[in-house]
Amino acid sequence: MKGRGAPYLAALLSLALGGAALAQAPDRSPRPLVRPGAQAAVPASGPAAAAPVAPGPAADGVTRVAIVPGPQAPARSLRPAARPGGTAPAPVAAAPQADAPPAPSDALPDAIAGLVFNGGVATDLAIPRSLRPSLRPDGLEQRVRATATRQIPGRVTQPGSRSGDLCGIPGLVGERLEPITGRSSGCGIAEPVRLRSVDGIALSSPATVNCDTARALQTWVQRSLVPTVGRTGGGVSSLRVVASYACRTRNNQAGARISEHGRGNAIDIAGIGLANGSELTVLSDWGGGRDGRILRDLHRGACGPFGTVLGPNSDRFHRDHFHFDVARYRSGPYCR
């Protein structure tokens, strides 16, 4: 009986030793998680895995069971990226392995947690949803566009063609400007233009006015200026402009009302340039003689196209120029 019991004792001893081996700690420590921005290191190749041994009785009659470690599996299932507007598929649990690395901590960002070891090599797994910024606040696009195209007073927005089509009127040449906001209440021009010439007659200085003033000036040029001057000095070649838009009070007097110049409604002309190089000036030629009569006729001809016409006979502030503006009155044009 003693001799027959020896194989059984050996088998029991082998099973006990195998169970103790299973309870032992792993032969290597778990790998740490990959740090953000770092590249996972590939572990050095270890000894090749032993080929699986088929269970069965050995030569000494003892039955042994070979335990072969299986391939490593990722700590969590590979999830496809969610489609826009859809939901991510439910994760599939992976079978635990003896030497599988620990699952990434939930406290880590998804982009970091998506990096896990797969057979010793870092794998960039898709996260449950695409990396998209938060929705933009309502009206953000409009505010950005308004900032990018912030209106700068006096900046050119649309040049007039050389043939002249400023304000949609043939013969007016210049540029459209962005809205002008005055420093004082009551000043400014909603749709200003920089007028350079009228029907081929150049302005000595570009005049910043509104389209109503530009239109009235062209009417005066066509109906009064050109016919009245005629061939004197070879005809009209230019207009000497001494004032247009300016945010100020009337005659620059403290406490006075805002001038029509502060609204783009006015233009001041001090002289008429002629083709032969000479000039008819309000300051010098307003009196008698042929030139004086021409200037008086031009002053009178402006009364109608413009609502206000002032000259040397009105006050001391206009002794050297004509003041034209498009302000309208119930009693009709005011001309002095």
C-alpha atoms as a PDB file:
ATOM      1  CA  MET A   1       0.000   0.000   0.000  1.00  0.00           C
ATOM      2  CA  LYS A   2       2.889   2.289   0.775  1.00  0.00           C
ATOM      3  CA  GLY A   3       4.389   1.766  -2.638  1.00  0.00           C
ATOM      4  CA  ARG A   4       1.106   2.416  -4.418  1.00  0.00           C
ATOM      5  CA  GLY A   5       0.395   5.646  -2.511  1.00  0.00           C
ATOM      6  CA  ALA A   6       3.650   7.378  -3.544  1.00  0.00           C
ATOM      7  CA  PRO A   7       2.394   8.614  -6.966  1.00  0.00           C
ATOM      8  CA  TYR A   8      -0.715  10.119  -5.376  1.00  0.00           C
ATOM      9  CA  LEU A   9       1.360  11.947  -2.780  1.00  0.00           C
ATOM     10  CA  ALA A  10       3.633  13.307  -5.508  1.00  0.00           C
ATOM     11  CA  ALA A  11       0.611  14.579  -7.483  1.00  0.00           C
ATOM     12  CA  LEU A  12      -0.851  16.320  -4.455  1.00  0.00           C
ATOM     13  CA  LEU A  13       2.529  17.925  -3.706  1.00  0.00           C
ATOM     14  CA  SER A  14       2.800  19.168  -7.300  1.00  0.00           C
ATOM     15  CA  LEU A  15      -0.667  20.727  -7.181  1.00  0.00           C
ATOM     16  CA  ALA A  16       0.116  22.423  -3.892  1.00  0.00           C
ATOM     17  CA  LEU A  17       3.324  23.883  -5.257  1.00  0.00           C
ATOM     18  CA  GLY A  18       1.502  25.095  -8.426  1.00  0.00           C
ATOM     19  CA  GLY A  19      -1.146  26.852  -6.364  1.00  0.00           C
ATOM     20  CA  ALA A  20       1.508  28.561  -4.297  1.00  0.00           C
ATOM     21  CA  ALA A  21       3.226  29.723  -7.470  1.00  0.00           C
ATOM     22  CA  LEU A  22      -0.025  31.227  -8.712  1.00  0.00           C
ATOM     23  CA  ALA A  23      -0.326  33.250  -5.502  1.00  0.00           C
ATOM     24  CA  GLN A  24       3.142  34.710  -5.874  1.00  0.00           C
ATOM     25  CA  ALA A  25       3.648  38.348  -6.982  1.00  0.00           C
ATOM     26  CA  PRO A  26       4.239  39.003 -10.719  1.00  0.00           C
ATOM     27  CA  ASP A  27       7.820  38.876 -11.918  1.00  0.00           C
ATOM     28  CA  ARG A  28       7.717  42.559 -12.994  1.00  0.00           C
ATOM     29  CA  SER A  29       6.027  45.692 -11.659  1.00  0.00           C
ATOM     30  CA  PRO A  30       3.021  47.228 -13.472  1.00  0.00           C
ATOM     31  CA  ARG A  31       3.924  49.812 -16.074  1.00  0.00           C
ATOM     32  CA  PRO A  32       3.131  53.445 -15.184  1.00  0.00           C
ATOM     33  CA  LEU A  33       0.795  55.519 -17.335  1.00  0.00           C
ATOM     34  CA  VAL A  34       2.280  57.573 -20.138  1.00  0.00           C
ATOM     35  CA  ARG A  35       2.843  61.192 -19.109  1.00  0.00           C
ATOM     36  CA  PRO A  36       1.144  63.890 -21.235  1.00  0.00           C
ATOM     37  CA  GLY A  37       3.311  64.708 -24.235  1.00  0.00           C
ATOM     38  CA  ALA A  38       5.684  61.780 -23.604  1.00  0.00           C
ATOM     39  CA  GLN A  39       6.127  58.787 -25.881  1.00  0.00           C
ATOM     40  CA  ALA A  40       5.671  55.354 -24.435  1.00  0.00           C
ATOM     41  CA  ALA A  41       8.871  53.336 -24.302  1.00  0.00           C
ATOM     42  CA  VAL A  42       8.809  49.892 -25.802  1.00  0.00           C
ATOM     43  CA  PRO A  43      10.055  47.392 -23.173  1.00  0.00           C
ATOM     44  CA  ALA A  44      13.078  45.326 -23.976  1.00  0.00           C
ATOM     45  CA  SER A  45      12.354  41.955 -25.421  1.00  0.00           C
ATOM     46  CA  GLY A  46      12.225  39.296 -22.773  1.00  0.00           C
ATOM     47  CA  PRO A  47      12.523  35.591 -23.128  1.00  0.00           C
ATOM     48  CA  ALA A  48      10.199  34.067 -25.627  1.00  0.00           C
ATOM     49  CA  ALA A  49       6.993  32.646 -24.265  1.00  0.00           C
ATOM     50  CA  ALA A  50       7.142  28.976 -23.716  1.00  0.00           C
ATOM     51  CA  ALA A  51       5.114  26.846 -26.035  1.00  0.00           C
ATOM     52  CA  PRO A  52       1.979  25.481 -24.471  1.00  0.00           C
ATOM     53  CA  VAL A  53       2.371  21.998 -22.973  1.00  0.00           C
ATOM     54  CA  ALA A  54      -0.472  19.559 -23.417  1.00  0.00           C
ATOM     55  CA  PRO A  55      -1.685  18.155 -20.119  1.00  0.00           C
ATOM     56  CA  GLY A  56      -1.070  14.494 -19.553  1.00  0.00           C
ATOM     57  CA  PRO A  57       0.931  12.038 -17.488  1.00  0.00           C
ATOM     58  CA  ALA A  58       4.677  12.487 -17.476  1.00  0.00           C
ATOM     59  CA  ALA A  59       7.261   9.833 -17.526  1.00  0.00           C
ATOM     60  CA  ASP A  60       7.242   9.571 -13.761  1.00  0.00           C
ATOM     61  CA  GLY A  61       3.476   9.098 -13.775  1.00  0.00           C
ATOM     62  CA  VAL A  62       2.701  12.543 -12.328  1.00  0.00           C
ATOM     63  CA  THR A  63       0.140  14.640 -14.192  1.00  0.00           C
ATOM     64  CA  ARG A  64       1.281  18.271 -14.595  1.00  0.00           C
ATOM     65  CA  VAL A  65      -0.724  21.266 -15.828  1.00  0.00           C
ATOM     66  CA  ALA A  66       1.224  23.952 -17.759  1.00  0.00           C
ATOM     67  CA  ILE A  67       0.031  27.552 -17.275  1.00  0.00           C
ATOM     68  CA  VAL A  68       0.808  29.646 -20.344  1.00  0.00           C
ATOM     69  CA  PRO A  69       0.276  33.465 -20.139  1.00  0.00           C
ATOM     70  CA  GLY A  70      -1.994  34.774 -22.877  1.00  0.00           C
ATOM     71  CA  PRO A  71      -1.491  37.924 -24.970  1.00  0.00           C
ATOM     72  CA  GLN A  72      -1.962  41.243 -23.254  1.00  0.00           C
ATOM     73  CA  ALA A  73      -5.172  43.161 -23.879  1.00  0.00           C
ATOM     74  CA  PRO A  74      -5.731  46.918 -23.643  1.00  0.00           C
ATOM     75  CA  ALA A  75      -7.041  48.247 -20.372  1.00  0.00           C
ATOM     76  CA  ARG A  76     -10.269  49.281 -22.051  1.00  0.00           C
ATOM     77  CA  SER A  77     -12.026  48.530 -25.293  1.00  0.00           C
ATOM     78  CA  LEU A  78     -11.255  50.398 -28.476  1.00  0.00           C
ATOM     79  CA  ARG A  79     -14.171  52.733 -29.100  1.00  0.00           C
ATOM     80  CA  PRO A  80     -14.812  54.372 -32.470  1.00  0.00           C
ATOM     81  CA  ALA A  81     -15.229  58.122 -32.524  1.00  0.00           C
ATOM     82  CA  ALA A  82     -18.815  59.252 -32.222  1.00  0.00           C
ATOM     83  CA  ARG A  83     -20.374  60.690 -35.327  1.00  0.00           C
ATOM     84  CA  PRO A  84     -21.506  64.337 -35.179  1.00  0.00           C
ATOM     85  CA  GLY A  85     -24.857  64.497 -33.477  1.00  0.00           C
ATOM     86  CA  GLY A  86     -24.787  60.786 -32.629  1.00  0.00           C
ATOM     87  CA  THR A  87     -23.965  58.816 -29.486  1.00  0.00           C
ATOM     88  CA  ALA A  88     -20.854  56.817 -28.791  1.00  0.00           C
ATOM     89  CA  PRO A  89     -21.265  53.008 -28.864  1.00  0.00           C
ATOM     90  CA  ALA A  90     -21.228  51.293 -25.512  1.00  0.00           C
ATOM     91  CA  PRO A  91     -17.748  50.065 -24.507  1.00  0.00           C
ATOM     92  CA  VAL A  92     -17.027  46.329 -24.528  1.00  0.00           C
ATOM     93  CA  ALA A  93     -15.342  45.066 -21.385  1.00  0.00           C
ATOM     94  CA  ALA A  94     -11.942  43.473 -21.939  1.00  0.00           C
ATOM     95  CA  ALA A  95     -10.988  40.252 -20.220  1.00  0.00           C
ATOM     96  CA  PRO A  96      -8.554  40.911 -17.343  1.00  0.00           C
ATOM     97  CA  GLN A  97      -5.019  39.667 -17.786  1.00  0.00           C
ATOM     98  CA  ALA A  98      -2.491  38.774 -15.187  1.00  0.00           C
ATOM     99  CA  ASP A  99       0.083  41.300 -16.345  1.00  0.00           C
ATOM    100  CA  ALA A 100      -2.228  43.919 -17.971  1.00  0.00           C
ATOM    101  CA  PRO A 101      -1.357  47.521 -17.021  1.00  0.00           C
ATOM    102  CA  PRO A 102      -3.761  49.361 -14.756  1.00  0.00           C
ATOM    103  CA  ALA A 103      -6.624  51.218 -16.409  1.00  0.00           C
ATOM    104  CA  PRO A 104      -6.134  55.004 -16.793  1.00  0.00           C
ATOM    105  CA  SER A 105      -7.510  57.121 -13.995  1.00  0.00           C
ATOM    106  CA  ASP A 106     -10.883  58.793 -14.564  1.00  0.00           C
ATOM    107  CA  ALA A 107      -9.367  61.987 -13.210  1.00  0.00           C
ATOM    108  CA  LEU A 108      -7.105  62.269 -16.276  1.00  0.00           C
ATOM    109  CA  PRO A 109      -8.321  64.132 -19.358  1.00  0.00           C
ATOM    110  CA  ASP A 110      -9.867  61.997 -22.073  1.00  0.00           C
ATOM    111  CA  ALA A 111      -7.058  62.806 -24.477  1.00  0.00           C
ATOM    112  CA  ILE A 112      -4.494  61.385 -21.981  1.00  0.00           C
ATOM    113  CA  ALA A 113      -6.654  58.498 -20.890  1.00  0.00           C
ATOM    114  CA  GLY A 114      -6.931  57.451 -24.510  1.00  0.00           C
ATOM    115  CA  LEU A 115      -3.275  56.449 -24.534  1.00  0.00           C
ATOM    116  CA  VAL A 116      -2.953  52.884 -23.206  1.00  0.00           C
ATOM    117  CA  PHE A 117      -0.443  50.131 -23.656  1.00  0.00           C
ATOM    118  CA  ASN A 118      -1.220  47.425 -26.157  1.00  0.00           C
ATOM    119  CA  GLY A 119       1.392  44.757 -26.113  1.00  0.00           C
ATOM    120  CA  GLY A 120       3.975  47.193 -24.760  1.00  0.00           C
ATOM    121  CA  VAL A 121       3.325  49.880 -27.423  1.00  0.00           C
ATOM    122  CA  ALA A 122       1.302  53.062 -26.810  1.00  0.00           C
ATOM    123  CA  THR A 123      -1.905  53.104 -28.813  1.00  0.00           C
ATOM    124  CA  ASP A 124      -3.765  56.352 -29.625  1.00  0.00           C
ATOM    125  CA  LEU A 125      -7.339  55.344 -29.009  1.00  0.00           C
ATOM    126  CA  ALA A 126     -10.330  57.396 -30.134  1.00  0.00           C
ATOM    127  CA  ILE A 127     -12.211  59.150 -27.395  1.00  0.00           C
ATOM    128  CA  PRO A 128     -16.003  58.916 -27.107  1.00  0.00           C
ATOM    129  CA  ARG A 129     -16.609  62.278 -28.816  1.00  0.00           C
ATOM    130  CA  SER A 130     -14.658  64.531 -31.129  1.00  0.00           C
ATOM    131  CA  LEU A 131     -12.631  67.397 -29.725  1.00  0.00           C
ATOM    132  CA  ARG A 132     -14.741  70.410 -30.597  1.00  0.00           C
ATOM    133  CA  PRO A 133     -14.839  73.873 -29.034  1.00  0.00           C
ATOM    134  CA  SER A 134     -17.890  74.994 -27.169  1.00  0.00           C
ATOM    135  CA  LEU A 135     -20.691  76.671 -29.057  1.00  0.00           C
ATOM    136  CA  ARG A 136     -20.004  80.319 -29.811  1.00  0.00           C
ATOM    137  CA  PRO A 137     -22.143  82.833 -27.927  1.00  0.00           C
ATOM    138  CA  ASP A 138     -25.006  84.354 -29.871  1.00  0.00           C
ATOM    139  CA  GLY A 139     -23.940  87.384 -31.855  1.00  0.00           C
ATOM    140  CA  LEU A 140     -20.197  86.688 -31.549  1.00  0.00           C
ATOM    141  CA  GLU A 141     -19.686  86.566 -35.305  1.00  0.00           C
ATOM    142  CA  GLN A 142     -21.446  89.884 -35.783  1.00  0.00           C
ATOM    143  CA  ARG A 143     -19.400  91.507 -33.005  1.00  0.00           C
ATOM    144  CA  VAL A 144     -16.133  90.221 -34.477  1.00  0.00           C
ATOM    145  CA  ARG A 145     -17.097  91.435 -37.940  1.00  0.00           C
ATOM    146  CA  ALA A 146     -18.039  94.840 -36.544  1.00  0.00           C
ATOM    147  CA  THR A 147     -14.675  95.063 -34.749  1.00  0.00           C
ATOM    148  CA  ALA A 148     -12.727  94.023 -37.835  1.00  0.00           C
ATOM    149  CA  THR A 149     -14.510  96.679 -39.890  1.00  0.00           C
ATOM    150  CA  ARG A 150     -14.725  99.300 -37.180  1.00  0.00           C
ATOM    151  CA  GLN A 151     -15.805 102.576 -38.659  1.00  0.00           C
ATOM    152  CA  ILE A 152     -13.080 105.182 -38.692  1.00  0.00           C
ATOM    153  CA  PRO A 153     -14.439 108.691 -39.401  1.00  0.00           C
ATOM    154  CA  GLY A 154     -13.274 109.947 -42.752  1.00  0.00           C
ATOM    155  CA  ARG A 155     -11.930 106.611 -44.033  1.00  0.00           C
ATOM    156  CA  VAL A 156     -12.524 105.975 -47.739  1.00  0.00           C
ATOM    157  CA  THR A 157     -14.887 103.076 -48.421  1.00  0.00           C
ATOM    158  CA  GLN A 158     -15.671 103.403 -52.134  1.00  0.00           C
ATOM    159  CA  PRO A 159     -13.768 105.570 -54.614  1.00  0.00           C
ATOM    160  CA  GLY A 160     -15.766 107.391 -57.244  1.00  0.00           C
ATOM    161  CA  SER A 161     -14.987 106.559 -60.854  1.00  0.00           C
ATOM    162  CA  ARG A 162     -13.005 108.950 -63.011  1.00  0.00           C
ATOM    163  CA  SER A 163     -16.050 109.548 -65.194  1.00  0.00           C
ATOM    164  CA  GLY A 164     -17.888 110.871 -62.131  1.00  0.00           C
ATOM    165  CA  ASP A 165     -20.689 108.999 -60.391  1.00  0.00           C
ATOM    166  CA  LEU A 166     -20.391 110.050 -56.756  1.00  0.00           C
ATOM    167  CA  CYS A 167     -23.768 109.938 -54.964  1.00  0.00           C
ATOM    168  CA  GLY A 168     -25.058 108.232 -58.102  1.00  0.00           C
ATOM    169  CA  ILE A 169     -24.865 111.531 -60.021  1.00  0.00           C
ATOM    170  CA  PRO A 170     -22.806 111.828 -63.226  1.00  0.00           C
ATOM    171  CA  GLY A 171     -20.246 114.623 -63.063  1.00  0.00           C
ATOM    172  CA  LEU A 172     -19.457 114.341 -59.329  1.00  0.00           C
ATOM    173  CA  VAL A 173     -16.017 112.867 -58.670  1.00  0.00           C
ATOM    174  CA  GLY A 174     -14.683 111.873 -55.277  1.00  0.00           C
ATOM    175  CA  GLU A 175     -14.952 109.125 -52.678  1.00  0.00           C
ATOM    176  CA  ARG A 176     -17.551 107.863 -50.282  1.00  0.00           C
ATOM    177  CA  LEU A 177     -16.459 107.973 -46.650  1.00  0.00           C
ATOM    178  CA  GLU A 178     -17.508 106.029 -43.606  1.00  0.00           C
ATOM    179  CA  PRO A 179     -19.963 107.735 -41.241  1.00  0.00           C
ATOM    180  CA  ILE A 180     -18.515 110.640 -39.274  1.00  0.00           C
ATOM    181  CA  THR A 181     -19.399 111.079 -35.616  1.00  0.00           C
ATOM    182  CA  GLY A 182     -18.751 114.570 -34.289  1.00  0.00           C
ATOM    183  CA  ARG A 183     -17.126 115.452 -31.007  1.00  0.00           C
ATOM    184  CA  SER A 184     -20.173 117.499 -29.991  1.00  0.00           C
ATOM    185  CA  SER A 185     -23.847 116.633 -30.003  1.00  0.00           C
ATOM    186  CA  GLY A 186     -25.453 117.583 -33.309  1.00  0.00           C
ATOM    187  CA  CYS A 187     -22.302 117.111 -35.381  1.00  0.00           C
ATOM    188  CA  GLY A 188     -21.598 114.323 -37.840  1.00  0.00           C
ATOM    189  CA  ILE A 189     -22.508 113.022 -41.291  1.00  0.00           C
ATOM    190  CA  ALA A 190     -24.298 109.715 -41.787  1.00  0.00           C
ATOM    191  CA  GLU A 191     -23.216 109.318 -45.431  1.00  0.00           C
ATOM    192  CA  PRO A 192     -20.296 111.665 -46.105  1.00  0.00           C
ATOM    193  CA  VAL A 193     -18.448 112.063 -49.393  1.00  0.00           C
ATOM    194  CA  ARG A 194     -15.178 113.704 -50.269  1.00  0.00           C
ATOM    195  CA  LEU A 195     -15.938 115.802 -53.324  1.00  0.00           C
ATOM    196  CA  ARG A 196     -12.994 116.575 -55.638  1.00  0.00           C
ATOM    197  CA  SER A 197     -14.532 118.022 -58.793  1.00  0.00           C
ATOM    198  CA  VAL A 198     -17.890 118.986 -60.257  1.00  0.00           C
ATOM    199  CA  ASP A 199     -18.503 118.622 -64.004  1.00  0.00           C
ATOM    200  CA  GLY A 200     -14.762 118.841 -64.654  1.00  0.00           C
ATOM    201  CA  ILE A 201     -14.232 121.908 -62.420  1.00  0.00           C
ATOM    202  CA  ALA A 202     -11.704 121.007 -59.731  1.00  0.00           C
ATOM    203  CA  LEU A 203     -12.034 121.983 -56.100  1.00  0.00           C
ATOM    204  CA  SER A 204      -8.838 123.493 -54.697  1.00  0.00           C
ATOM    205  CA  SER A 205      -9.353 121.397 -51.536  1.00  0.00           C
ATOM    206  CA  PRO A 206     -11.519 118.247 -51.407  1.00  0.00           C
ATOM    207  CA  ALA A 207     -14.785 119.095 -49.673  1.00  0.00           C
ATOM    208  CA  THR A 208     -16.247 116.712 -47.088  1.00  0.00           C
ATOM    209  CA  VAL A 209     -20.014 117.143 -47.378  1.00  0.00           C
ATOM    210  CA  ASN A 210     -23.168 115.072 -47.729  1.00  0.00           C
ATOM    211  CA  CYS A 211     -24.760 114.202 -51.054  1.00  0.00           C
ATOM    212  CA  ASP A 212     -27.421 116.934 -50.758  1.00  0.00           C
ATOM    213  CA  THR A 213     -24.726 119.592 -50.597  1.00  0.00           C
ATOM    214  CA  ALA A 214     -22.782 118.021 -53.474  1.00  0.00           C
ATOM    215  CA  ARG A 215     -25.964 117.904 -55.575  1.00  0.00           C
ATOM    216  CA  ALA A 216     -26.819 121.538 -54.818  1.00  0.00           C
ATOM    217  CA  LEU A 217     -23.287 122.635 -55.719  1.00  0.00           C
ATOM    218  CA  GLN A 218     -23.536 120.877 -59.074  1.00  0.00           C
ATOM    219  CA  THR A 219     -26.865 122.587 -59.783  1.00  0.00           C
ATOM    220  CA  TRP A 220     -25.296 125.981 -59.032  1.00  0.00           C
ATOM    221  CA  VAL A 221     -22.300 125.184 -61.261  1.00  0.00           C
ATOM    222  CA  GLN A 222     -24.505 124.184 -64.190  1.00  0.00           C
ATOM    223  CA  ARG A 223     -27.184 126.883 -63.914  1.00  0.00           C
ATOM    224  CA  SER A 224     -25.197 129.858 -62.659  1.00  0.00           C
ATOM    225  CA  LEU A 225     -21.411 129.547 -62.492  1.00  0.00           C
ATOM    226  CA  VAL A 226     -20.566 128.333 -66.000  1.00  0.00           C
ATOM    227  CA  PRO A 227     -23.100 130.527 -67.879  1.00  0.00           C
ATOM    228  CA  THR A 228     -22.316 133.641 -65.800  1.00  0.00           C
ATOM    229  CA  VAL A 229     -18.527 133.471 -66.107  1.00  0.00           C
ATOM    230  CA  GLY A 230     -18.749 132.396 -69.749  1.00  0.00           C
ATOM    231  CA  ARG A 231     -15.446 132.954 -71.595  1.00  0.00           C
ATOM    232  CA  THR A 232     -14.089 135.429 -69.063  1.00  0.00           C
ATOM    233  CA  GLY A 233     -10.426 134.509 -68.509  1.00  0.00           C
ATOM    234  CA  GLY A 234     -10.910 131.462 -70.692  1.00  0.00           C
ATOM    235  CA  GLY A 235     -13.733 130.077 -68.554  1.00  0.00           C
ATOM    236  CA  VAL A 236     -14.003 128.517 -65.104  1.00  0.00           C
ATOM    237  CA  SER A 237     -11.266 126.034 -64.193  1.00  0.00           C
ATOM    238  CA  SER A 238     -11.532 125.669 -60.410  1.00  0.00           C
ATOM    239  CA  LEU A 239     -13.270 126.694 -57.188  1.00  0.00           C
ATOM    240  CA  ARG A 240     -11.273 127.780 -54.141  1.00  0.00           C
ATOM    241  CA  VAL A 241     -12.920 125.986 -51.206  1.00  0.00           C
ATOM    242  CA  VAL A 242     -12.018 127.369 -47.767  1.00  0.00           C
ATOM    243  CA  ALA A 243     -14.377 125.302 -45.568  1.00  0.00           C
ATOM    244  CA  SER A 244     -16.581 122.215 -45.643  1.00  0.00           C
ATOM    245  CA  TYR A 245     -17.288 119.809 -42.761  1.00  0.00           C
ATOM    246  CA  ALA A 246     -16.199 121.089 -39.340  1.00  0.00           C
ATOM    247  CA  CYS A 247     -17.776 120.324 -35.972  1.00  0.00           C
ATOM    248  CA  ARG A 248     -18.133 123.860 -34.664  1.00  0.00           C
ATOM    249  CA  THR A 249     -20.648 126.537 -33.751  1.00  0.00           C
ATOM    250  CA  ARG A 250     -21.883 129.241 -36.098  1.00  0.00           C
ATOM    251  CA  ASN A 251     -19.070 131.653 -36.912  1.00  0.00           C
ATOM    252  CA  ASN A 252     -17.052 129.871 -34.179  1.00  0.00           C
ATOM    253  CA  GLN A 253     -18.874 131.900 -31.539  1.00  0.00           C
ATOM    254  CA  ALA A 254     -19.088 130.509 -28.005  1.00  0.00           C
ATOM    255  CA  GLY A 255     -22.620 129.538 -27.025  1.00  0.00           C
ATOM    256  CA  ALA A 256     -23.924 129.697 -30.587  1.00  0.00           C
ATOM    257  CA  ARG A 257     -25.823 126.868 -32.269  1.00  0.00           C
ATOM    258  CA  ILE A 258     -24.053 124.162 -34.224  1.00  0.00           C
ATOM    259  CA  SER A 259     -23.110 125.409 -37.677  1.00  0.00           C
ATOM    260  CA  GLU A 260     -24.434 123.689 -40.815  1.00  0.00           C
ATOM    261  CA  HIS A 261     -20.784 122.883 -41.477  1.00  0.00           C
ATOM    262  CA  GLY A 262     -21.026 120.481 -38.505  1.00  0.00           C
ATOM    263  CA  ARG A 263     -23.676 118.460 -40.373  1.00  0.00           C
ATOM    264  CA  GLY A 264     -22.023 118.354 -43.784  1.00  0.00           C
ATOM    265  CA  ASN A 265     -24.644 120.741 -45.168  1.00  0.00           C
ATOM    266  CA  ALA A 266     -22.345 123.647 -46.048  1.00  0.00           C
ATOM    267  CA  ILE A 267     -19.443 124.681 -48.227  1.00  0.00           C
ATOM    268  CA  ASP A 268     -17.547 128.008 -48.326  1.00  0.00           C
ATOM    269  CA  ILE A 269     -16.086 129.354 -51.585  1.00  0.00           C
ATOM    270  CA  ALA A 270     -13.634 132.276 -51.617  1.00  0.00           C
ATOM    271  CA  GLY A 271     -12.617 132.476 -55.260  1.00  0.00           C
ATOM    272  CA  ILE A 272     -13.261 131.391 -58.851  1.00  0.00           C
ATOM    273  CA  GLY A 273     -10.195 130.139 -60.701  1.00  0.00           C
ATOM    274  CA  LEU A 274     -10.032 130.935 -64.444  1.00  0.00           C
ATOM    275  CA  ALA A 275      -8.330 129.086 -67.250  1.00  0.00           C
ATOM    276  CA  ASN A 276      -5.792 131.883 -67.862  1.00  0.00           C
ATOM    277  CA  GLY A 277      -4.494 131.559 -64.282  1.00  0.00           C
ATOM    278  CA  SER A 278      -6.307 134.553 -62.817  1.00  0.00           C
ATOM    279  CA  GLU A 279      -8.931 134.393 -60.072  1.00  0.00           C
ATOM    280  CA  LEU A 280     -12.095 136.215 -59.125  1.00  0.00           C
ATOM    281  CA  THR A 281     -11.976 136.678 -55.336  1.00  0.00           C
ATOM    282  CA  VAL A 282     -14.836 137.630 -53.064  1.00  0.00           C
ATOM    283  CA  LEU A 283     -12.552 139.724 -50.884  1.00  0.00           C
ATOM    284  CA  SER A 284     -11.083 141.852 -53.714  1.00  0.00           C
ATOM    285  CA  ASP A 285     -13.659 141.787 -56.522  1.00  0.00           C
ATOM    286  CA  TRP A 286     -17.005 142.064 -54.726  1.00  0.00           C
ATOM    287  CA  GLY A 287     -17.329 145.796 -55.463  1.00  0.00           C
ATOM    288  CA  GLY A 288     -18.126 147.409 -58.822  1.00  0.00           C
ATOM    289  CA  GLY A 289     -16.841 146.599 -62.234  1.00  0.00           C
ATOM    290  CA  ARG A 290     -17.247 143.594 -64.445  1.00  0.00           C
ATOM    291  CA  ASP A 291     -15.790 141.115 -61.918  1.00  0.00           C
ATOM    292  CA  GLY A 292     -17.963 142.517 -59.141  1.00  0.00           C
ATOM    293  CA  ARG A 293     -21.078 142.071 -61.255  1.00  0.00           C
ATOM    294  CA  ILE A 294     -20.113 138.455 -61.987  1.00  0.00           C
ATOM    295  CA  LEU A 295     -19.712 137.704 -58.279  1.00  0.00           C
ATOM    296  CA  ARG A 296     -23.045 139.341 -57.434  1.00  0.00           C
ATOM    297  CA  ASP A 297     -24.771 137.266 -60.097  1.00  0.00           C
ATOM    298  CA  LEU A 298     -23.148 134.099 -58.729  1.00  0.00           C
ATOM    299  CA  HIS A 299     -24.326 134.986 -55.211  1.00  0.00           C
ATOM    300  CA  ARG A 300     -27.859 135.531 -56.459  1.00  0.00           C
ATOM    301  CA  GLY A 301     -27.807 132.355 -58.575  1.00  0.00           C
ATOM    302  CA  ALA A 302     -27.000 130.227 -55.525  1.00  0.00           C
ATOM    303  CA  CYS A 303     -30.210 131.322 -53.821  1.00  0.00           C
ATOM    304  CA  GLY A 304     -32.530 128.435 -54.652  1.00  0.00           C
ATOM    305  CA  PRO A 305     -30.220 125.462 -55.083  1.00  0.00           C
ATOM    306  CA  PHE A 306     -29.056 126.304 -51.530  1.00  0.00           C
ATOM    307  CA  GLY A 307     -31.326 127.228 -48.630  1.00  0.00           C
ATOM    308  CA  THR A 308     -28.850 129.703 -47.133  1.00  0.00           C
ATOM    309  CA  VAL A 309     -26.528 132.027 -49.097  1.00  0.00           C
ATOM    310  CA  LEU A 310     -24.318 134.501 -47.238  1.00  0.00           C
ATOM    311  CA  GLY A 311     -21.763 136.960 -48.636  1.00  0.00           C
ATOM    312  CA  PRO A 312     -19.955 140.217 -47.820  1.00  0.00           C
ATOM    313  CA  ASN A 313     -23.265 142.087 -47.323  1.00  0.00           C
ATOM    314  CA  SER A 314     -24.492 139.690 -44.596  1.00  0.00           C
ATOM    315  CA  ASP A 315     -21.967 140.316 -41.787  1.00  0.00           C
ATOM    316  CA  ARG A 316     -18.281 140.735 -41.051  1.00  0.00           C
ATOM    317  CA  PHE A 317     -17.753 136.974 -40.879  1.00  0.00           C
ATOM    318  CA  HIS A 318     -18.441 136.538 -44.613  1.00  0.00           C
ATOM    319  CA  ARG A 319     -16.652 139.495 -46.142  1.00  0.00           C
ATOM    320  CA  ASP A 320     -14.138 137.260 -47.931  1.00  0.00           C
ATOM    321  CA  HIS A 321     -16.213 134.233 -49.022  1.00  0.00           C
ATOM    322  CA  PHE A 322     -19.605 132.854 -49.992  1.00  0.00           C
ATOM    323  CA  HIS A 323     -21.311 130.564 -47.515  1.00  0.00           C
ATOM    324  CA  PHE A 324     -23.672 128.025 -49.140  1.00  0.00           C
ATOM    325  CA  ASP A 325     -25.719 125.485 -47.163  1.00  0.00           C
ATOM    326  CA  VAL A 326     -28.778 123.315 -47.825  1.00  0.00           C
ATOM    327  CA  ALA A 327     -30.719 124.162 -44.648  1.00  0.00           C
ATOM    328  CA  ARG A 328     -34.361 124.822 -45.520  1.00  0.00           C
ATOM    329  CA  TYR A 329     -36.748 127.328 -43.985  1.00  0.00           C
ATOM    330  CA  ARG A 330     -40.529 127.597 -44.091  1.00  0.00           C
ATOM    331  CA  SER A 331     -40.291 131.109 -45.475  1.00  0.00           C
ATOM    332  CA  GLY A 332     -37.976 129.998 -48.299  1.00  0.00           C
ATOM    333  CA  PRO A 333     -34.249 130.498 -48.948  1.00  0.00           C
ATOM    334  CA  TYR A 334     -32.340 132.963 -46.792  1.00  0.00           C
ATOM    335  CA  CYS A 335     -29.958 134.953 -48.997  1.00  0.00           C
ATOM    336  CA  ARG A 336     -27.938 138.013 -47.876  1.00  0.00           C
END
